[in-house]
């Protein structure tokens, strides 16, 4: 299992707080990113007007909220924020969270297609010495 898109009702993390872990504010730099996210999270025009966020569960079992953002003059979604869902006052595990975000990118890139390949992502990860690349 890699990344599993889940509904709010399927979230296992109860009494959680949201911890901001990642933001991409320019999904439009390559249309495939927007289209892949719209399809994966079943986004509709209603989401652009304050619709519900998306959620995913990583292979680690940790869960994340994806908030889709809008920007005047750009198609929705123009960006996204990812928040870790953390139970109560539990501490976040930075390395484990970074690995989950890397796995999210590995899941997303093949859906984007075109010049964006998993091999290129991994090569970039090796340049930046990302342990999971």
N, C-alpha and C. Protein backbone atom coordinates (compact mmCIF):
# COMPACT_ATOMS: atom_id res chain seq x y z
N UNK A 1 0.85 -1.18 0.00
CA UNK A 1 0.00 0.00 0.00
C UNK A 1 0.89 1.24 0.00
N UNK A 2 0.54 2.20 -0.79
CA UNK A 2 1.31 3.44 -0.84
C UNK A 2 0.47 4.57 -0.26
N UNK A 3 -0.32 5.20 -1.07
CA UNK A 3 -1.19 6.29 -0.62
C UNK A 3 -2.63 5.86 -0.87
N UNK A 4 -3.46 6.06 0.12
CA UNK A 4 -4.87 5.70 0.02
C UNK A 4 -5.70 6.96 0.24
N UNK A 5 -6.48 7.34 -0.75
CA UNK A 5 -7.38 8.47 -0.60
C UNK A 5 -8.56 7.99 0.25
N UNK A 6 -8.86 8.72 1.31
CA UNK A 6 -9.93 8.31 2.23
C UNK A 6 -10.91 9.46 2.44
N UNK A 7 -12.11 9.11 2.84
CA UNK A 7 -13.13 10.10 3.18
C UNK A 7 -12.98 10.48 4.65
N UNK A 8 -13.53 11.61 5.02
CA UNK A 8 -13.47 12.06 6.41
C UNK A 8 -13.98 10.97 7.36
N UNK A 9 -15.04 10.28 6.97
CA UNK A 9 -15.62 9.24 7.83
C UNK A 9 -14.66 8.07 8.06
N UNK A 10 -13.65 7.93 7.20
CA UNK A 10 -12.69 6.83 7.33
C UNK A 10 -11.44 7.20 8.12
N UNK A 11 -11.33 8.45 8.54
CA UNK A 11 -10.15 8.89 9.28
C UNK A 11 -10.12 8.19 10.63
N UNK A 12 -8.99 7.59 10.94
CA UNK A 12 -8.81 6.86 12.20
C UNK A 12 -8.32 7.77 13.32
N UNK A 13 -7.66 8.87 12.95
CA UNK A 13 -7.08 9.77 13.94
C UNK A 13 -8.19 10.62 14.55
N UNK A 14 -8.57 10.29 15.77
CA UNK A 14 -9.65 11.02 16.45
C UNK A 14 -9.07 12.07 17.39
N UNK A 15 -9.86 13.07 17.69
CA UNK A 15 -9.43 14.17 18.57
C UNK A 15 -8.07 14.69 18.13
N UNK A 16 -7.99 15.01 16.86
CA UNK A 16 -6.70 15.38 16.30
C UNK A 16 -6.54 16.88 16.14
N UNK A 17 -5.31 17.25 15.99
CA UNK A 17 -4.98 18.61 15.61
C UNK A 17 -4.29 18.54 14.27
N UNK A 18 -4.31 19.63 13.56
CA UNK A 18 -3.72 19.68 12.23
C UNK A 18 -2.40 20.45 12.32
N UNK A 19 -1.35 19.83 11.77
CA UNK A 19 -0.04 20.46 11.76
C UNK A 19 0.38 20.65 10.31
N UNK A 20 0.58 21.90 9.93
CA UNK A 20 0.98 22.23 8.57
C UNK A 20 2.34 21.59 8.26
N UNK A 21 2.41 20.87 7.11
CA UNK A 21 3.67 20.21 6.75
C UNK A 21 4.16 20.54 5.35
N UNK A 22 3.28 21.02 4.46
CA UNK A 22 3.72 21.28 3.09
C UNK A 22 2.74 22.20 2.38
N UNK A 23 3.29 22.99 1.45
CA UNK A 23 2.44 23.86 0.63
C UNK A 23 3.01 23.94 -0.78
N UNK A 24 2.13 23.89 -1.75
CA UNK A 24 2.49 24.17 -3.15
C UNK A 24 1.47 25.18 -3.64
N UNK A 25 1.93 26.38 -3.97
CA UNK A 25 0.97 27.43 -4.32
C UNK A 25 0.85 27.68 -5.82
N UNK A 26 1.52 26.85 -6.64
CA UNK A 26 1.45 27.07 -8.08
C UNK A 26 1.26 25.75 -8.84
N UNK A 27 0.12 25.14 -8.65
CA UNK A 27 -0.16 23.89 -9.36
C UNK A 27 -0.27 24.09 -10.85
N UNK A 28 -0.56 25.31 -11.28
CA UNK A 28 -0.76 25.58 -12.69
C UNK A 28 0.51 25.62 -13.51
N UNK A 29 1.68 25.45 -12.89
CA UNK A 29 2.92 25.48 -13.68
C UNK A 29 2.99 24.32 -14.65
N UNK A 30 2.20 23.29 -14.40
CA UNK A 30 2.11 22.15 -15.31
C UNK A 30 0.70 21.59 -15.13
N UNK A 31 -0.16 21.70 -16.14
CA UNK A 31 -1.57 21.34 -15.98
C UNK A 31 -1.82 19.93 -15.44
N UNK A 32 -0.93 19.00 -15.71
CA UNK A 32 -1.14 17.63 -15.26
C UNK A 32 -1.26 17.49 -13.76
N UNK A 33 -0.60 18.37 -13.00
CA UNK A 33 -0.70 18.30 -11.54
C UNK A 33 -2.12 18.59 -11.09
N UNK A 34 -2.67 19.67 -11.62
CA UNK A 34 -4.04 20.03 -11.25
C UNK A 34 -5.01 18.91 -11.64
N UNK A 35 -4.88 18.43 -12.86
CA UNK A 35 -5.81 17.40 -13.33
C UNK A 35 -5.70 16.11 -12.53
N UNK A 36 -4.48 15.72 -12.17
CA UNK A 36 -4.29 14.50 -11.38
C UNK A 36 -4.94 14.64 -10.00
N UNK A 37 -4.82 15.81 -9.40
CA UNK A 37 -5.41 16.02 -8.07
C UNK A 37 -6.93 16.12 -8.14
N UNK A 38 -7.45 16.77 -9.18
CA UNK A 38 -8.90 16.86 -9.35
C UNK A 38 -9.48 15.46 -9.47
N UNK A 39 -8.84 14.62 -10.27
CA UNK A 39 -9.33 13.25 -10.45
C UNK A 39 -9.19 12.42 -9.17
N UNK A 40 -8.03 12.45 -8.55
CA UNK A 40 -7.79 11.61 -7.37
C UNK A 40 -8.69 11.97 -6.20
N UNK A 41 -8.91 13.26 -5.99
CA UNK A 41 -9.70 13.71 -4.85
C UNK A 41 -11.14 14.04 -5.22
N UNK A 42 -11.53 13.76 -6.47
CA UNK A 42 -12.90 13.96 -6.95
C UNK A 42 -13.38 15.39 -6.68
N UNK A 43 -12.55 16.36 -7.04
CA UNK A 43 -12.89 17.76 -6.80
C UNK A 43 -13.93 18.23 -7.81
N UNK A 44 -14.83 19.05 -7.33
CA UNK A 44 -15.89 19.64 -8.16
C UNK A 44 -15.81 21.16 -8.04
N UNK A 45 -16.55 21.90 -8.88
CA UNK A 45 -16.55 23.36 -8.74
C UNK A 45 -16.96 23.82 -7.33
N UNK A 46 -17.76 23.05 -6.63
CA UNK A 46 -18.17 23.43 -5.27
C UNK A 46 -16.98 23.51 -4.32
N UNK A 47 -15.94 22.74 -4.58
CA UNK A 47 -14.77 22.79 -3.71
C UNK A 47 -14.08 24.15 -3.76
N UNK A 48 -14.21 24.85 -4.88
CA UNK A 48 -13.56 26.15 -5.03
C UNK A 48 -14.20 27.21 -4.14
N UNK A 49 -15.38 26.92 -3.65
CA UNK A 49 -16.11 27.88 -2.81
C UNK A 49 -16.19 27.38 -1.38
N UNK A 50 -15.07 26.90 -0.87
CA UNK A 50 -15.03 26.46 0.53
C UNK A 50 -15.44 25.03 0.75
N UNK A 51 -15.29 24.19 -0.27
CA UNK A 51 -15.64 22.77 -0.12
C UNK A 51 -14.73 22.04 0.85
N UNK A 52 -15.09 20.83 1.14
CA UNK A 52 -14.35 20.02 2.10
C UNK A 52 -12.94 19.70 1.60
N UNK A 53 -12.01 19.54 2.52
CA UNK A 53 -10.66 19.14 2.12
C UNK A 53 -10.65 17.67 1.71
N UNK A 54 -9.52 17.23 1.18
CA UNK A 54 -9.32 15.82 0.89
C UNK A 54 -8.47 15.21 1.99
N UNK A 55 -8.42 13.89 2.02
CA UNK A 55 -7.64 13.19 3.04
C UNK A 55 -6.93 12.02 2.40
N UNK A 56 -5.75 11.71 2.93
CA UNK A 56 -5.08 10.49 2.52
C UNK A 56 -4.39 9.83 3.69
N UNK A 57 -4.22 8.54 3.55
CA UNK A 57 -3.51 7.73 4.54
C UNK A 57 -2.26 7.19 3.87
N UNK A 58 -1.13 7.42 4.48
CA UNK A 58 0.14 6.92 3.96
C UNK A 58 0.32 5.46 4.37
N UNK A 59 1.24 4.78 3.74
CA UNK A 59 1.52 3.38 4.06
C UNK A 59 1.90 3.22 5.54
N UNK A 60 2.45 4.27 6.14
CA UNK A 60 2.83 4.26 7.55
C UNK A 60 1.61 4.19 8.47
N UNK A 61 0.43 4.51 7.92
CA UNK A 61 -0.78 4.58 8.73
C UNK A 61 -1.11 5.99 9.16
N UNK A 62 -0.15 6.92 9.02
CA UNK A 62 -0.41 8.30 9.37
C UNK A 62 -1.37 8.92 8.35
N UNK A 63 -2.16 9.87 8.85
CA UNK A 63 -3.19 10.47 7.99
C UNK A 63 -2.95 11.97 7.81
N UNK A 64 -3.39 12.45 6.64
CA UNK A 64 -3.13 13.83 6.25
C UNK A 64 -4.38 14.44 5.64
N UNK A 65 -4.49 15.74 5.84
CA UNK A 65 -5.57 16.53 5.25
C UNK A 65 -4.96 17.36 4.12
N UNK A 66 -5.66 17.41 2.98
CA UNK A 66 -5.20 18.21 1.85
C UNK A 66 -6.23 19.33 1.63
N UNK A 67 -5.77 20.56 1.82
CA UNK A 67 -6.63 21.73 1.64
C UNK A 67 -6.29 22.33 0.28
N UNK A 68 -7.27 22.41 -0.58
CA UNK A 68 -7.08 22.96 -1.92
C UNK A 68 -7.37 24.45 -1.89
N UNK A 69 -6.45 25.22 -2.47
CA UNK A 69 -6.58 26.68 -2.41
C UNK A 69 -6.90 27.25 -3.78
N UNK A 70 -7.42 28.46 -3.76
CA UNK A 70 -7.80 29.15 -4.98
C UNK A 70 -7.12 30.51 -5.01
N UNK A 71 -6.85 30.97 -6.21
CA UNK A 71 -6.22 32.28 -6.38
C UNK A 71 -6.94 32.98 -7.53
N UNK A 72 -7.27 34.24 -7.34
CA UNK A 72 -7.93 35.01 -8.39
C UNK A 72 -7.13 34.93 -9.68
N UNK A 73 -7.84 34.70 -10.78
CA UNK A 73 -7.20 34.66 -12.09
C UNK A 73 -6.58 33.32 -12.44
N UNK A 74 -6.73 32.31 -11.58
CA UNK A 74 -6.17 30.98 -11.83
C UNK A 74 -7.27 29.94 -11.69
N UNK A 75 -7.13 28.87 -12.44
CA UNK A 75 -8.08 27.76 -12.32
C UNK A 75 -7.93 27.08 -10.97
N UNK A 76 -9.03 26.55 -10.48
CA UNK A 76 -9.03 25.81 -9.21
C UNK A 76 -8.66 24.36 -9.49
N UNK A 77 -7.90 23.73 -8.62
CA UNK A 77 -7.17 24.33 -7.51
C UNK A 77 -5.88 24.97 -8.00
N UNK A 78 -5.55 26.11 -7.43
CA UNK A 78 -4.31 26.77 -7.82
C UNK A 78 -3.16 26.35 -6.91
N UNK A 79 -3.50 25.77 -5.78
CA UNK A 79 -2.48 25.32 -4.83
C UNK A 79 -3.06 24.34 -3.84
N UNK A 80 -2.19 23.86 -2.97
CA UNK A 80 -2.64 22.97 -1.91
C UNK A 80 -1.76 23.13 -0.68
N UNK A 81 -2.35 22.78 0.45
CA UNK A 81 -1.64 22.70 1.72
C UNK A 81 -1.88 21.30 2.26
N UNK A 82 -0.86 20.73 2.85
CA UNK A 82 -1.01 19.41 3.47
C UNK A 82 -0.75 19.56 4.96
N UNK A 83 -1.68 19.04 5.75
CA UNK A 83 -1.58 19.05 7.20
C UNK A 83 -1.54 17.63 7.72
N UNK A 84 -0.63 17.35 8.64
CA UNK A 84 -0.62 16.06 9.32
C UNK A 84 -1.73 16.08 10.36
N UNK A 85 -2.45 14.98 10.47
CA UNK A 85 -3.46 14.84 11.51
C UNK A 85 -2.81 14.09 12.66
N UNK A 86 -2.68 14.76 13.78
CA UNK A 86 -1.95 14.21 14.92
C UNK A 86 -2.90 14.12 16.11
N UNK A 87 -2.95 12.96 16.72
CA UNK A 87 -3.85 12.73 17.85
C UNK A 87 -3.44 13.58 19.06
N UNK A 88 -4.43 14.22 19.67
CA UNK A 88 -4.21 14.97 20.91
C UNK A 88 -2.99 15.86 20.86
N UNK A 89 -2.13 15.68 21.87
CA UNK A 89 -0.91 16.46 21.94
C UNK A 89 0.32 15.64 21.57
N UNK A 90 0.11 14.55 20.83
CA UNK A 90 1.24 13.73 20.38
C UNK A 90 2.20 14.59 19.57
N UNK A 91 3.45 14.24 19.65
CA UNK A 91 4.47 14.94 18.86
C UNK A 91 4.44 14.43 17.42
N UNK A 92 4.82 15.30 16.52
CA UNK A 92 4.96 14.89 15.12
C UNK A 92 6.36 14.32 14.95
N UNK A 93 6.48 13.34 14.08
CA UNK A 93 7.78 12.73 13.79
C UNK A 93 8.27 13.31 12.47
N UNK A 94 9.20 14.29 12.50
CA UNK A 94 9.61 14.97 11.27
C UNK A 94 10.13 14.03 10.17
N UNK A 95 11.00 13.09 10.50
CA UNK A 95 11.53 12.20 9.47
C UNK A 95 10.45 11.31 8.88
N UNK A 96 9.57 10.81 9.73
CA UNK A 96 8.49 9.95 9.25
C UNK A 96 7.51 10.74 8.38
N UNK A 97 7.25 11.98 8.77
CA UNK A 97 6.37 12.84 7.98
C UNK A 97 7.01 13.15 6.63
N UNK A 98 8.30 13.45 6.64
CA UNK A 98 9.01 13.71 5.37
C UNK A 98 8.93 12.50 4.44
N UNK A 99 9.06 11.30 5.01
CA UNK A 99 8.96 10.11 4.17
C UNK A 99 7.55 9.96 3.61
N UNK A 100 6.54 10.22 4.43
CA UNK A 100 5.16 10.14 3.94
C UNK A 100 4.93 11.13 2.80
N UNK A 101 5.46 12.34 2.92
CA UNK A 101 5.30 13.33 1.86
C UNK A 101 6.03 12.90 0.60
N UNK A 102 7.19 12.28 0.76
CA UNK A 102 7.92 11.75 -0.40
C UNK A 102 7.08 10.67 -1.08
N UNK A 103 6.48 9.79 -0.30
CA UNK A 103 5.64 8.73 -0.86
C UNK A 103 4.42 9.34 -1.57
N UNK A 104 3.90 10.45 -1.05
CA UNK A 104 2.79 11.13 -1.71
C UNK A 104 3.24 11.62 -3.09
N UNK A 105 4.44 12.20 -3.17
CA UNK A 105 4.97 12.64 -4.47
C UNK A 105 5.18 11.45 -5.41
N UNK A 106 5.67 10.33 -4.87
CA UNK A 106 5.85 9.13 -5.71
C UNK A 106 4.50 8.63 -6.23
N UNK A 107 3.47 8.78 -5.46
CA UNK A 107 2.12 8.37 -5.87
C UNK A 107 1.57 9.35 -6.91
N UNK A 108 1.84 10.65 -6.73
CA UNK A 108 1.28 11.67 -7.60
C UNK A 108 1.94 11.73 -8.97
N UNK A 109 3.26 11.67 -9.02
CA UNK A 109 4.00 11.90 -10.27
C UNK A 109 3.54 10.99 -11.42
N UNK A 110 3.36 9.69 -11.24
CA UNK A 110 2.90 8.87 -12.37
C UNK A 110 1.51 9.28 -12.88
N UNK A 111 0.70 9.88 -12.03
CA UNK A 111 -0.64 10.33 -12.43
C UNK A 111 -0.57 11.62 -13.25
N UNK A 112 0.51 12.36 -13.08
CA UNK A 112 0.69 13.62 -13.80
C UNK A 112 1.08 13.35 -15.24
N UNK A 113 2.03 12.45 -15.43
CA UNK A 113 2.44 12.05 -16.77
C UNK A 113 3.28 13.08 -17.49
N UNK A 114 3.40 12.88 -18.80
CA UNK A 114 4.22 13.78 -19.61
C UNK A 114 5.67 13.69 -19.22
N UNK A 115 6.30 14.82 -19.09
CA UNK A 115 7.73 14.84 -18.75
C UNK A 115 8.00 14.51 -17.29
N UNK A 116 6.95 14.44 -16.48
CA UNK A 116 7.12 14.12 -15.07
C UNK A 116 7.13 12.60 -14.89
N UNK A 117 8.28 12.07 -14.51
CA UNK A 117 8.42 10.63 -14.35
C UNK A 117 8.92 10.30 -12.95
N UNK A 118 8.61 9.10 -12.52
CA UNK A 118 9.07 8.63 -11.23
C UNK A 118 10.60 8.55 -11.20
N UNK A 119 11.19 8.17 -12.31
CA UNK A 119 12.66 8.08 -12.40
C UNK A 119 13.29 9.45 -12.20
N UNK A 120 12.70 10.48 -12.80
CA UNK A 120 13.23 11.84 -12.64
C UNK A 120 13.07 12.32 -11.20
N UNK A 121 11.94 12.00 -10.58
CA UNK A 121 11.74 12.37 -9.17
C UNK A 121 12.81 11.72 -8.31
N UNK A 122 13.04 10.43 -8.52
CA UNK A 122 14.05 9.72 -7.73
C UNK A 122 15.45 10.28 -7.97
N UNK A 123 15.76 10.62 -9.21
CA UNK A 123 17.07 11.21 -9.52
C UNK A 123 17.23 12.55 -8.80
N UNK A 124 16.17 13.35 -8.78
CA UNK A 124 16.21 14.62 -8.06
C UNK A 124 16.39 14.37 -6.57
N UNK A 125 15.69 13.38 -6.05
CA UNK A 125 15.82 13.03 -4.64
C UNK A 125 17.23 12.63 -4.27
N UNK A 126 17.90 11.92 -5.16
CA UNK A 126 19.28 11.50 -4.89
C UNK A 126 20.22 12.71 -4.86
N UNK A 127 19.98 13.68 -5.75
CA UNK A 127 20.80 14.90 -5.75
C UNK A 127 20.68 15.61 -4.40
N UNK A 128 19.47 15.66 -3.86
CA UNK A 128 19.23 16.33 -2.59
C UNK A 128 19.41 15.40 -1.39
N UNK A 129 19.90 14.20 -1.66
CA UNK A 129 20.21 13.20 -0.62
C UNK A 129 19.00 12.87 0.25
N UNK A 130 17.87 12.71 -0.41
CA UNK A 130 16.66 12.29 0.29
C UNK A 130 16.76 10.78 0.49
N UNK A 131 16.72 10.32 1.72
CA UNK A 131 16.98 8.91 2.01
C UNK A 131 16.05 7.92 1.30
N UNK A 132 14.85 8.34 0.98
CA UNK A 132 13.86 7.41 0.41
C UNK A 132 13.89 7.38 -1.10
N UNK A 133 14.73 8.22 -1.71
CA UNK A 133 14.74 8.35 -3.17
C UNK A 133 15.28 7.11 -3.85
